[in-house]
Amino acid sequence: MSITWVLRPEDVARIRFAFSPMWELVASLRTLQQPARQSIHLPWLKAVRPRLAGLDLTELLALVPPTGYLADFITPPPDTPMPDFAAELDRVRRADPARAREEAAKVEGTDRAVIARFTADPEAGVLRVADALEAYWEVGLAEFWPRVYALLERDVLRRSRQLAQGGARELFAGLGPAVRWTGEKLIIDRPWCDAGGLHGDGLVLVPSAFYWPAVAVMTAPYQSMLVYPVQGVGTLWEQGPPPAPGALGALIGKSRAAILIALAEPATTSALATRMALTPGAVSQHLGVLSGGGLAVGLRIGKQVVYRRTLAGDMLAAGPGPHA
């Protein structure tokens, strides 16, 4: 089964990127239910499972089955590029109860008694679900969110450059085998979703670590959204940044060497601070030295400054080549 969206030139012009802590949280419920599907997240599972004993996830798991349709009101498409969890949770709390009831009734393969309880009083059900999401976030993902955030941020920066440099064809070609672009139509291999289509408000592209390697779509009455697998998910649970080579660390300092190596992928100060386990102020100081030495350069993208290595930085990070 596939979904076909016709993208007019104005739709392509209004493509934007965002990522969503709420989406990751809800997707992680499927990881809990089907660990074998995503063995890449086993380090997270091992850390989180012992913490869940005191939580009642019954209603959440009924609305988010291991496969198939999940109730859309729980995952509102992000309305800003980098929403925080509190803002997204507030949107869930304000979900339309009538729409939530309709969506809950469409969920299949879970406890019908739990679904019936929700649909009998969806206004109370929405509030219970929001409370359960908040409790699950605090136990299951809040501690790990900076790491996931950094991975998603790097992906968005990479894809934004791809779109700017190669256009829609290059962008969609890199989103995985389930997504095909004909030059006019976006064809998505995706069961369980209503066909729908774009409805004049552009398209939001959302990378996901916990939904990886699958894709998902949402459309009317919501903002049109395509969730795609983030690149580099295999590095997500690695402990710390790549080690700095001894010689490079001795030359420019261990922290600066680690930052220079991490800049193999462009990143913001906040993302580097998270990866390096340093304060943003310390990272900013090191970036100032690297930039002053011609090894890195900052580029403004919207309200953020994104740093990347220069050619000289690339050569220094690569280390000495083989002797003749």
Protein backbone atom coordinates (compact mmCIF):
# COMPACT_ATOMS: atom_id res chain seq x y z
CA MET A 1 0.00 0.00 0.00
CA SER A 2 1.28 3.48 -0.79
CA ILE A 3 0.17 7.06 -0.31
CA THR A 4 0.56 9.62 -3.08
CA TRP A 5 0.81 13.33 -2.35
CA VAL A 6 0.89 15.84 -5.19
CA LEU A 7 3.29 18.66 -4.35
CA ARG A 8 2.76 21.89 -6.23
CA PRO A 9 5.69 24.33 -6.51
CA GLU A 10 4.29 26.36 -3.61
CA ASP A 11 4.17 23.18 -1.48
CA VAL A 12 7.83 22.45 -2.22
CA ALA A 13 8.69 26.04 -1.35
CA ARG A 14 6.97 25.63 2.03
CA ILE A 15 8.80 22.45 3.10
CA ARG A 16 10.15 22.90 6.60
CA PHE A 17 11.97 20.72 9.12
CA ALA A 18 11.18 20.18 12.76
CA PHE A 19 11.58 17.55 15.42
CA SER A 20 9.36 16.54 18.28
CA PRO A 21 10.08 15.21 21.77
CA MET A 22 6.46 14.07 21.98
CA TRP A 23 6.79 12.02 18.80
CA GLU A 24 9.93 10.35 20.12
CA LEU A 25 8.25 9.62 23.44
CA VAL A 26 5.20 8.04 21.82
CA ALA A 27 7.33 6.10 19.32
CA SER A 28 9.38 4.73 22.21
CA LEU A 29 6.21 3.03 23.50
CA ARG A 30 6.40 0.81 20.44
CA THR A 31 10.04 0.09 21.19
CA LEU A 32 8.97 -1.05 24.66
CA GLN A 33 6.39 -3.40 23.15
CA GLN A 34 8.59 -4.77 20.35
CA PRO A 35 12.24 -4.68 21.46
CA ALA A 36 13.33 -7.09 18.74
CA ARG A 37 12.19 -4.65 16.04
CA GLN A 38 14.68 -2.06 17.25
CA SER A 39 17.56 -3.86 18.90
CA ILE A 40 19.59 -0.70 18.33
CA HIS A 41 17.75 0.82 21.32
CA LEU A 42 18.55 -2.02 23.72
CA PRO A 43 20.89 0.16 25.85
CA TRP A 44 17.98 2.55 26.43
CA LEU A 45 15.59 -0.33 27.14
CA LYS A 46 17.92 -1.84 29.71
CA ALA A 47 18.22 1.49 31.49
CA VAL A 48 14.51 2.35 31.42
CA ARG A 49 12.61 -0.91 31.96
CA PRO A 50 13.43 -1.20 35.69
CA ARG A 51 12.05 2.33 36.22
CA LEU A 52 8.60 1.59 34.78
CA ALA A 53 7.28 -0.64 37.56
CA GLY A 54 5.39 2.18 39.27
CA LEU A 55 3.82 3.60 36.10
CA ASP A 56 0.40 2.71 34.70
CA LEU A 57 0.88 2.72 30.93
CA THR A 58 -2.28 0.71 30.20
CA GLU A 59 -4.20 3.49 28.46
CA LEU A 60 -1.18 4.75 26.54
CA LEU A 61 -0.36 1.27 25.26
CA ALA A 62 -4.01 0.78 24.23
CA LEU A 63 -3.86 3.95 22.11
CA VAL A 64 -0.37 3.16 20.76
CA PRO A 65 -0.39 -0.48 19.62
CA PRO A 66 2.84 -2.24 18.58
CA THR A 67 1.85 -1.85 14.92
CA GLY A 68 -0.91 -0.17 12.97
CA TYR A 69 -2.69 3.10 13.51
CA LEU A 70 -2.05 5.07 16.69
CA ALA A 71 -4.30 7.87 17.93
CA ASP A 72 -3.08 11.03 16.20
CA PHE A 73 -4.06 13.48 18.92
CA ILE A 74 -1.16 12.16 21.02
CA THR A 75 1.40 13.27 18.40
CA PRO A 76 0.41 16.73 17.13
CA PRO A 77 2.76 17.82 14.32
CA PRO A 78 5.37 20.24 15.68
CA ASP A 79 4.36 23.86 15.12
CA THR A 80 7.87 25.26 15.64
CA PRO A 81 11.24 23.89 14.44
CA MET A 82 12.37 22.86 17.93
CA PRO A 83 9.39 22.57 20.29
CA ASP A 84 9.97 21.67 23.93
CA PHE A 85 8.14 18.85 25.64
CA ALA A 86 6.07 21.09 27.93
CA ALA A 87 4.62 22.99 24.96
CA GLU A 88 3.76 19.79 23.11
CA LEU A 89 2.22 18.25 26.22
CA ASP A 90 0.01 21.34 26.54
CA ARG A 91 -1.20 20.78 22.97
CA VAL A 92 -2.14 17.19 23.85
CA ARG A 93 -4.05 18.42 26.91
CA ARG A 94 -5.99 20.83 24.67
CA ALA A 95 -6.88 18.15 22.09
CA ASP A 96 -10.47 18.21 20.88
CA PRO A 97 -12.27 15.43 22.84
CA ALA A 98 -14.61 14.59 19.94
CA ARG A 99 -11.69 14.10 17.57
CA ALA A 100 -9.79 12.12 20.21
CA ARG A 101 -12.80 9.80 20.59
CA GLU A 102 -12.95 9.19 16.83
CA GLU A 103 -9.24 8.45 16.68
CA ALA A 104 -9.28 6.13 19.69
CA ALA A 105 -12.12 4.16 18.10
CA LYS A 106 -9.95 3.56 15.00
CA VAL A 107 -7.15 1.89 16.98
CA GLU A 108 -7.09 -1.88 16.52
CA GLY A 109 -5.39 -4.80 18.21
CA THR A 110 -5.41 -3.52 21.79
CA ASP A 111 -7.60 -3.89 24.89
CA ARG A 112 -11.13 -2.93 23.79
CA ALA A 113 -12.27 -2.38 27.37
CA VAL A 114 -9.61 0.30 27.81
CA ILE A 115 -10.56 1.92 24.51
CA ALA A 116 -14.24 1.83 25.52
CA ARG A 117 -13.44 3.59 28.78
CA PHE A 118 -11.63 6.31 26.88
CA THR A 119 -14.37 6.83 24.28
CA ALA A 120 -17.07 6.93 26.98
CA ASP A 121 -15.56 10.13 28.39
CA PRO A 122 -12.89 11.42 26.00
CA GLU A 123 -12.47 14.74 27.81
CA ALA A 124 -11.34 12.96 30.97
CA GLY A 125 -9.45 10.42 28.84
CA VAL A 126 -7.37 13.13 27.14
CA LEU A 127 -6.32 14.51 30.53
CA ARG A 128 -5.42 11.04 31.83
CA VAL A 129 -3.34 10.36 28.74
CA ALA A 130 -1.53 13.68 29.08
CA ASP A 131 -0.74 12.92 32.73
CA ALA A 132 0.55 9.46 31.77
CA LEU A 133 2.73 10.96 29.01
CA GLU A 134 4.21 13.44 31.48
CA ALA A 135 5.00 10.71 34.00
CA TYR A 136 6.49 8.47 31.31
CA TRP A 137 8.61 11.35 29.96
CA GLU A 138 10.14 12.02 33.37
CA VAL A 139 11.03 8.36 33.88
CA GLY A 140 11.77 7.20 30.35
CA LEU A 141 13.13 9.96 28.14
CA ALA A 142 13.85 13.29 29.86
CA GLU A 143 17.33 12.17 30.93
CA PHE A 144 18.15 10.94 27.43
CA TRP A 145 16.52 13.74 25.44
CA PRO A 146 19.68 15.92 25.05
CA ARG A 147 21.39 13.01 23.30
CA VAL A 148 18.40 12.35 21.02
CA TYR A 149 18.02 16.09 20.43
CA ALA A 150 21.62 16.40 19.24
CA LEU A 151 21.17 13.53 16.76
CA LEU A 152 17.95 15.00 15.36
CA GLU A 153 19.45 18.48 15.16
CA ARG A 154 22.42 17.24 13.13
CA ASP A 155 20.06 15.48 10.75
CA VAL A 156 17.92 18.59 10.23
CA LEU A 157 21.00 20.71 9.51
CA ARG A 158 22.25 18.13 7.00
CA ARG A 159 18.88 17.84 5.22
CA SER A 160 18.40 21.62 5.13
CA ARG A 161 21.71 21.94 3.27
CA GLN A 162 20.65 19.12 0.97
CA LEU A 163 17.39 20.89 0.10
CA ALA A 164 19.16 24.22 -0.45
CA GLN A 165 21.88 22.73 -2.63
CA GLY A 166 20.15 19.89 -4.49
CA GLY A 167 16.46 20.72 -4.34
CA ALA A 168 13.54 18.42 -3.58
CA ARG A 169 14.84 15.57 -5.73
CA GLU A 170 18.05 15.16 -3.76
CA LEU A 171 16.26 15.68 -0.44
CA PHE A 172 13.58 13.04 -0.97
CA ALA A 173 16.04 10.58 -2.50
CA GLY A 174 17.86 10.51 0.84
CA LEU A 175 14.85 9.82 3.07
CA GLY A 176 14.89 6.06 2.55
CA PRO A 177 13.49 3.44 0.17
CA ALA A 178 9.91 4.03 1.34
CA VAL A 179 9.87 7.54 -0.11
CA ARG A 180 9.94 8.28 -3.86
CA TRP A 181 9.75 11.62 -5.64
CA THR A 182 8.67 11.84 -9.28
CA GLY A 183 9.15 15.56 -9.69
CA GLU A 184 5.48 16.21 -8.93
CA LYS A 185 4.28 13.38 -6.70
CA LEU A 186 5.63 12.13 -3.41
CA ILE A 187 4.91 8.39 -3.12
CA ILE A 188 5.20 6.91 0.35
CA ASP A 189 5.05 3.18 1.02
CA ARG A 190 3.09 3.23 4.23
CA PRO A 191 0.16 1.07 5.38
CA TRP A 192 -2.39 1.98 8.07
CA CYS A 193 -2.72 5.65 7.15
CA ASP A 194 -5.59 7.56 5.59
CA ALA A 195 -4.62 8.71 2.11
CA GLY A 196 -5.48 12.39 2.61
CA GLY A 197 -3.15 14.84 0.97
CA LEU A 198 -1.53 18.21 1.33
CA HIS A 199 -3.98 20.98 2.04
CA GLY A 200 -2.23 24.26 1.41
CA ASP A 201 -0.13 24.60 4.56
CA GLY A 202 3.10 23.07 3.30
CA LEU A 203 4.86 19.93 4.50
CA VAL A 204 6.74 19.32 7.75
CA LEU A 205 9.58 16.79 7.61
CA VAL A 206 10.34 15.24 11.00
CA PRO A 207 13.34 12.94 11.64
CA SER A 208 12.82 10.22 14.23
CA ALA A 209 15.17 7.96 16.16
CA PHE A 210 12.56 5.82 17.93
CA TYR A 211 10.35 5.30 14.87
CA TRP A 212 13.43 4.29 12.86
CA PRO A 213 13.61 2.62 10.34
CA ALA A 214 9.95 3.20 9.36
CA VAL A 215 8.17 6.26 7.99
CA ALA A 216 4.85 7.75 9.08
CA VAL A 217 2.51 10.42 7.75
CA MET A 218 -0.17 12.71 9.10
CA THR A 219 -2.52 14.96 7.15
CA ALA A 220 -5.84 16.81 7.49
CA PRO A 221 -7.16 17.88 9.90
CA TYR A 222 -3.55 18.15 11.06
CA GLN A 223 -0.57 19.86 9.45
CA SER A 224 0.78 17.60 6.70
CA MET A 225 3.78 15.74 8.14
CA LEU A 226 6.20 13.06 7.00
CA VAL A 227 8.23 11.31 9.69
CA TYR A 228 11.40 9.71 8.32
CA PRO A 229 14.25 7.67 9.87
CA VAL A 230 17.08 9.81 11.21
CA GLN A 231 20.58 9.21 9.91
CA GLY A 232 23.27 8.08 12.31
CA VAL A 233 20.93 6.33 14.75
CA GLY A 234 23.62 3.69 15.28
CA THR A 235 25.70 6.27 17.14
CA LEU A 236 22.90 7.32 19.50
CA TRP A 237 23.81 5.15 22.46
CA GLU A 238 27.58 5.30 22.07
CA GLN A 239 29.18 6.56 25.25
CA GLY A 240 30.52 10.06 24.76
CA PRO A 241 32.16 11.73 21.76
CA PRO A 242 34.87 10.14 19.61
CA PRO A 243 38.20 10.11 21.45
CA ALA A 244 40.64 12.78 20.40
CA PRO A 245 43.89 11.48 18.88
CA GLY A 246 46.74 11.95 21.34
CA ALA A 247 48.89 14.09 19.06
CA LEU A 248 46.03 16.44 18.19
CA GLY A 249 45.01 16.70 21.83
CA ALA A 250 48.60 17.55 22.81
CA LEU A 251 48.72 20.22 20.11
CA ILE A 252 45.47 22.12 20.71
CA GLY A 253 44.12 20.63 23.94
CA LYS A 254 41.96 17.59 24.55
CA SER A 255 38.61 19.40 24.62
CA ARG A 256 39.34 21.46 21.51
CA ALA A 257 40.53 18.35 19.70
CA ALA A 258 37.31 16.52 20.62
CA ILE A 259 35.21 19.46 19.42
CA LEU A 260 37.14 19.70 16.16
CA ILE A 261 36.61 16.00 15.51
CA ALA A 262 32.91 16.29 16.39
CA LEU A 263 32.59 19.07 13.80
CA ALA A 264 32.80 16.44 11.06
CA GLU A 265 29.07 17.21 11.14
CA PRO A 266 28.08 20.88 11.51
CA ALA A 267 26.57 21.60 14.92
CA THR A 268 25.43 24.39 17.23
CA THR A 269 27.13 25.32 20.48
CA SER A 270 24.30 23.74 22.51
CA ALA A 271 24.50 20.45 20.58
CA LEU A 272 28.27 20.30 21.04
CA ALA A 273 27.92 21.05 24.75
CA THR A 274 25.54 18.11 25.11
CA ARG A 275 27.81 15.74 23.22
CA MET A 276 31.00 16.89 24.95
CA ALA A 277 29.49 17.03 28.46
CA LEU A 278 30.79 20.62 28.71
CA THR A 279 29.00 23.85 29.51
CA PRO A 280 27.84 25.96 26.55
CA GLY A 281 30.16 28.72 27.80
CA ALA A 282 33.19 26.42 27.69
CA VAL A 283 32.29 25.17 24.21
CA SER A 284 31.82 28.76 23.04
CA GLN A 285 35.30 29.64 24.29
CA HIS A 286 36.87 26.67 22.52
CA LEU A 287 34.98 27.47 19.32
CA GLY A 288 36.29 31.02 19.52
CA VAL A 289 39.85 29.73 19.64
CA LEU A 290 39.24 27.24 16.81
CA SER A 291 37.59 29.94 14.70
CA GLY A 292 40.38 32.42 15.45
CA GLY A 293 42.91 29.81 14.32
CA GLY A 294 41.09 29.26 11.03
CA LEU A 295 40.05 25.69 11.93
CA ALA A 296 36.28 26.30 12.24
CA VAL A 297 33.74 28.82 11.02
CA GLY A 298 30.29 29.80 12.22
CA LEU A 299 27.37 30.19 9.81
CA ARG A 300 24.08 31.81 10.84
CA ILE A 301 20.99 29.75 9.95
CA GLY A 302 17.87 31.56 11.10
CA LYS A 303 18.36 32.43 14.77
CA GLN A 304 21.14 29.89 15.31
CA VAL A 305 24.85 29.83 14.55
CA VAL A 306 26.05 26.51 13.16
CA TYR A 307 29.76 25.69 13.25
CA ARG A 308 31.67 23.57 10.79
CA ARG A 309 35.31 22.77 10.13
CA THR A 310 37.27 24.68 7.53
CA LEU A 311 39.56 22.92 5.06
CA ALA A 312 42.45 23.53 7.45
CA GLY A 313 40.36 22.02 10.26
CA ASP A 314 39.59 18.98 8.12
CA MET A 315 43.28 18.45 7.38
CA LEU A 316 44.31 18.80 11.03
CA ALA A 317 41.54 16.47 12.25
CA ALA A 318 42.50 13.86 9.64
CA GLY A 319 46.03 13.67 11.08
CA PRO A 320 49.23 12.98 9.17
CA GLY A 321 48.97 10.95 6.03
CA PRO A 322 51.13 7.93 5.18
CA HIS A 323 54.82 8.58 4.70
CA ALA A 324 56.19 8.28 1.18
